[in-house]
């Protein structure tokens, strides 16, 4: 029975750990922290954090961090007159090229192309623009 209790214990604590991880991501995703840093903050191993995220959300911890960053970038590109470099800096990227590669990998289009598609009324319907209240800057 002791073995069963030990197996159930990590699952029982997964919800609060996942919630704390997501709160930590929300607060510090712009700092581009290492997943190891998040795990250390939570008092667990990176393997355990990965297992919790995979089991609960079928996503790795880094995917969850990236999933938070893309919706932050989209409305900035859509609604801001700031340059891609300024937006990149605001999101904590050291180099605008890194931001461009990241954004293209996640969305399929470059930040510049995304912005022009958003500005073009005829092309805007072909991409999913951010429009929820949560996405507002």
C-alpha atoms as a PDB file:
ATOM      1  CA  UNK A   1       0.000   0.000   0.000  1.00  0.00           C
ATOM      2  CA  UNK A   2       2.864   2.369   0.679  1.00  0.00           C
ATOM      3  CA  UNK A   3       3.866   2.128  -2.998  1.00  0.00           C
ATOM      4  CA  UNK A   4       0.353   3.075  -4.078  1.00  0.00           C
ATOM      5  CA  UNK A   5       0.329   6.123  -1.810  1.00  0.00           C
ATOM      6  CA  UNK A   6       3.648   7.297  -3.236  1.00  0.00           C
ATOM      7  CA  UNK A   7       2.338   6.980  -6.796  1.00  0.00           C
ATOM      8  CA  UNK A   8      -0.883   8.873  -6.006  1.00  0.00           C
ATOM      9  CA  UNK A   9       0.910  11.647  -4.128  1.00  0.00           C
ATOM     10  CA  UNK A  10       2.496  13.339  -7.188  1.00  0.00           C
ATOM     11  CA  UNK A  11      -0.836  13.335  -9.007  1.00  0.00           C
ATOM     12  CA  UNK A  12      -2.611  14.860  -6.027  1.00  0.00           C
ATOM     13  CA  UNK A  13      -0.134  17.752  -5.946  1.00  0.00           C
ATOM     14  CA  UNK A  14      -0.062  18.274  -9.716  1.00  0.00           C
ATOM     15  CA  UNK A  15      -2.949  20.755  -9.848  1.00  0.00           C
ATOM     16  CA  UNK A  16      -1.459  23.290  -7.445  1.00  0.00           C
ATOM     17  CA  UNK A  17       1.992  22.881  -9.009  1.00  0.00           C
ATOM     18  CA  UNK A  18       0.606  23.434 -12.491  1.00  0.00           C
ATOM     19  CA  UNK A  19      -1.315  26.491 -11.289  1.00  0.00           C
ATOM     20  CA  UNK A  20       1.813  27.936  -9.655  1.00  0.00           C
ATOM     21  CA  UNK A  21       3.828  27.238 -12.809  1.00  0.00           C
ATOM     22  CA  UNK A  22       1.294  29.044 -14.983  1.00  0.00           C
ATOM     23  CA  UNK A  23       1.235  31.997 -12.557  1.00  0.00           C
ATOM     24  CA  UNK A  24       5.022  32.145 -12.628  1.00  0.00           C
ATOM     25  CA  UNK A  25       5.007  32.054 -16.433  1.00  0.00           C
ATOM     26  CA  UNK A  26       2.467  34.870 -16.478  1.00  0.00           C
ATOM     27  CA  UNK A  27       4.665  37.028 -14.279  1.00  0.00           C
ATOM     28  CA  UNK A  28       8.001  36.332 -15.921  1.00  0.00           C
ATOM     29  CA  UNK A  29       7.624  35.023 -19.476  1.00  0.00           C
ATOM     30  CA  UNK A  30       9.276  38.177 -20.856  1.00  0.00           C
ATOM     31  CA  UNK A  31      12.468  37.313 -18.976  1.00  0.00           C
ATOM     32  CA  UNK A  32      12.945  34.103 -20.993  1.00  0.00           C
ATOM     33  CA  UNK A  33      13.691  32.037 -17.935  1.00  0.00           C
ATOM     34  CA  UNK A  34      15.065  28.544 -18.211  1.00  0.00           C
ATOM     35  CA  UNK A  35      12.594  25.759 -17.430  1.00  0.00           C
ATOM     36  CA  UNK A  36      15.052  24.625 -14.755  1.00  0.00           C
ATOM     37  CA  UNK A  37      14.528  28.004 -13.034  1.00  0.00           C
ATOM     38  CA  UNK A  38      10.754  27.517 -12.992  1.00  0.00           C
ATOM     39  CA  UNK A  39      11.157  23.992 -11.593  1.00  0.00           C
ATOM     40  CA  UNK A  40      13.555  25.207  -8.898  1.00  0.00           C
ATOM     41  CA  UNK A  41      11.101  27.960  -7.937  1.00  0.00           C
ATOM     42  CA  UNK A  42       8.387  25.308  -7.608  1.00  0.00           C
ATOM     43  CA  UNK A  43      10.657  22.991  -5.602  1.00  0.00           C
ATOM     44  CA  UNK A  44      10.463  20.133  -8.107  1.00  0.00           C
ATOM     45  CA  UNK A  45      12.676  18.618 -10.784  1.00  0.00           C
ATOM     46  CA  UNK A  46      12.425  19.603 -14.435  1.00  0.00           C
ATOM     47  CA  UNK A  47      11.380  16.025 -15.204  1.00  0.00           C
ATOM     48  CA  UNK A  48       8.488  16.261 -12.755  1.00  0.00           C
ATOM     49  CA  UNK A  49       7.402  19.627 -14.159  1.00  0.00           C
ATOM     50  CA  UNK A  50       7.519  18.169 -17.650  1.00  0.00           C
ATOM     51  CA  UNK A  51       5.493  15.119 -16.564  1.00  0.00           C
ATOM     52  CA  UNK A  52       2.852  17.269 -14.859  1.00  0.00           C
ATOM     53  CA  UNK A  53       2.449  19.531 -17.898  1.00  0.00           C
ATOM     54  CA  UNK A  54       2.333  16.586 -20.307  1.00  0.00           C
ATOM     55  CA  UNK A  55      -0.184  14.647 -18.219  1.00  0.00           C
ATOM     56  CA  UNK A  56      -2.492  17.588 -17.551  1.00  0.00           C
ATOM     57  CA  UNK A  57      -2.229  19.580 -20.788  1.00  0.00           C
ATOM     58  CA  UNK A  58      -0.357  17.392 -23.286  1.00  0.00           C
ATOM     59  CA  UNK A  59       2.157  20.218 -23.652  1.00  0.00           C
ATOM     60  CA  UNK A  60       5.752  20.587 -22.491  1.00  0.00           C
ATOM     61  CA  UNK A  61       6.656  23.421 -20.107  1.00  0.00           C
ATOM     62  CA  UNK A  62       8.483  25.315 -22.865  1.00  0.00           C
ATOM     63  CA  UNK A  63       5.460  24.993 -25.140  1.00  0.00           C
ATOM     64  CA  UNK A  64       3.321  26.557 -22.410  1.00  0.00           C
ATOM     65  CA  UNK A  65       5.761  29.448 -22.093  1.00  0.00           C
ATOM     66  CA  UNK A  66       5.712  29.910 -25.871  1.00  0.00           C
ATOM     67  CA  UNK A  67       1.914  29.619 -25.888  1.00  0.00           C
ATOM     68  CA  UNK A  68       1.861  32.612 -23.551  1.00  0.00           C
ATOM     69  CA  UNK A  69       4.293  34.669 -25.610  1.00  0.00           C
ATOM     70  CA  UNK A  70       2.623  34.395 -29.040  1.00  0.00           C
ATOM     71  CA  UNK A  71      -0.715  35.903 -27.926  1.00  0.00           C
ATOM     72  CA  UNK A  72       1.256  38.739 -26.359  1.00  0.00           C
ATOM     73  CA  UNK A  73       3.089  39.430 -29.625  1.00  0.00           C
ATOM     74  CA  UNK A  74       0.106  39.292 -31.992  1.00  0.00           C
ATOM     75  CA  UNK A  75      -1.882  42.291 -30.730  1.00  0.00           C
ATOM     76  CA  UNK A  76       1.302  44.329 -30.437  1.00  0.00           C
ATOM     77  CA  UNK A  77       2.015  43.666 -34.104  1.00  0.00           C
ATOM     78  CA  UNK A  78      -1.614  44.267 -35.088  1.00  0.00           C
ATOM     79  CA  UNK A  79      -2.313  47.456 -33.141  1.00  0.00           C
ATOM     80  CA  UNK A  80       0.990  49.109 -32.351  1.00  0.00           C
ATOM     81  CA  UNK A  81       3.008  51.506 -34.457  1.00  0.00           C
ATOM     82  CA  UNK A  82       6.145  50.316 -32.690  1.00  0.00           C
ATOM     83  CA  UNK A  83       8.812  48.680 -34.811  1.00  0.00           C
ATOM     84  CA  UNK A  84       9.351  44.926 -34.755  1.00  0.00           C
ATOM     85  CA  UNK A  85      12.633  45.647 -32.945  1.00  0.00           C
ATOM     86  CA  UNK A  86      10.797  47.573 -30.214  1.00  0.00           C
ATOM     87  CA  UNK A  87       8.192  44.841 -29.870  1.00  0.00           C
ATOM     88  CA  UNK A  88      10.973  42.252 -29.725  1.00  0.00           C
ATOM     89  CA  UNK A  89      12.717  44.228 -26.971  1.00  0.00           C
ATOM     90  CA  UNK A  90       9.434  44.586 -25.061  1.00  0.00           C
ATOM     91  CA  UNK A  91       8.988  40.819 -25.126  1.00  0.00           C
ATOM     92  CA  UNK A  92      12.486  40.238 -23.782  1.00  0.00           C
ATOM     93  CA  UNK A  93      14.203  38.970 -26.913  1.00  0.00           C
ATOM     94  CA  UNK A  94      17.876  39.887 -27.093  1.00  0.00           C
ATOM     95  CA  UNK A  95      17.829  40.108 -30.867  1.00  0.00           C
ATOM     96  CA  UNK A  96      14.959  40.975 -33.239  1.00  0.00           C
ATOM     97  CA  UNK A  97      16.098  38.137 -35.513  1.00  0.00           C
ATOM     98  CA  UNK A  98      15.452  35.650 -32.682  1.00  0.00           C
ATOM     99  CA  UNK A  99      11.974  37.093 -32.235  1.00  0.00           C
ATOM    100  CA  UNK A 100      11.311  36.873 -35.977  1.00  0.00           C
ATOM    101  CA  UNK A 101      12.438  33.235 -36.108  1.00  0.00           C
ATOM    102  CA  UNK A 102      10.368  32.381 -33.021  1.00  0.00           C
ATOM    103  CA  UNK A 103       7.258  34.128 -34.326  1.00  0.00           C
ATOM    104  CA  UNK A 104       7.513  32.556 -37.776  1.00  0.00           C
ATOM    105  CA  UNK A 105       8.057  29.091 -36.285  1.00  0.00           C
ATOM    106  CA  UNK A 106       4.948  29.471 -34.124  1.00  0.00           C
ATOM    107  CA  UNK A 107       2.607  31.228 -36.566  1.00  0.00           C
ATOM    108  CA  UNK A 108       3.910  30.348 -40.012  1.00  0.00           C
ATOM    109  CA  UNK A 109       4.525  33.978 -40.997  1.00  0.00           C
ATOM    110  CA  UNK A 110       7.143  36.570 -40.124  1.00  0.00           C
ATOM    111  CA  UNK A 111       6.202  39.433 -37.788  1.00  0.00           C
ATOM    112  CA  UNK A 112       6.414  41.892 -40.678  1.00  0.00           C
ATOM    113  CA  UNK A 113       4.204  39.726 -42.874  1.00  0.00           C
ATOM    114  CA  UNK A 114       1.745  39.183 -40.024  1.00  0.00           C
ATOM    115  CA  UNK A 115       1.533  42.924 -39.475  1.00  0.00           C
ATOM    116  CA  UNK A 116       0.942  43.641 -43.154  1.00  0.00           C
ATOM    117  CA  UNK A 117      -1.709  40.913 -43.348  1.00  0.00           C
ATOM    118  CA  UNK A 118      -3.439  42.390 -40.318  1.00  0.00           C
ATOM    119  CA  UNK A 119      -3.357  45.860 -41.863  1.00  0.00           C
ATOM    120  CA  UNK A 120      -4.688  44.661 -45.215  1.00  0.00           C
ATOM    121  CA  UNK A 121      -8.464  44.382 -44.925  1.00  0.00           C
ATOM    122  CA  UNK A 122      -8.753  41.841 -47.741  1.00  0.00           C
ATOM    123  CA  UNK A 123      -6.057  39.552 -46.346  1.00  0.00           C
ATOM    124  CA  UNK A 124      -6.995  39.974 -42.689  1.00  0.00           C
ATOM    125  CA  UNK A 125      -9.697  37.340 -42.912  1.00  0.00           C
ATOM    126  CA  UNK A 126      -7.143  34.692 -43.923  1.00  0.00           C
ATOM    127  CA  UNK A 127      -5.310  34.811 -40.577  1.00  0.00           C
ATOM    128  CA  UNK A 128      -6.573  34.500 -37.051  1.00  0.00           C
ATOM    129  CA  UNK A 129      -6.233  37.953 -35.563  1.00  0.00           C
ATOM    130  CA  UNK A 130      -6.320  38.485 -31.825  1.00  0.00           C
ATOM    131  CA  UNK A 131      -9.619  40.001 -30.848  1.00  0.00           C
ATOM    132  CA  UNK A 132     -10.489  38.881 -27.357  1.00  0.00           C
ATOM    133  CA  UNK A 133     -10.567  41.244 -24.441  1.00  0.00           C
ATOM    134  CA  UNK A 134      -7.741  39.220 -22.846  1.00  0.00           C
ATOM    135  CA  UNK A 135      -5.480  40.104 -25.780  1.00  0.00           C
ATOM    136  CA  UNK A 136      -5.914  43.846 -25.410  1.00  0.00           C
ATOM    137  CA  UNK A 137      -2.668  45.630 -24.516  1.00  0.00           C
END
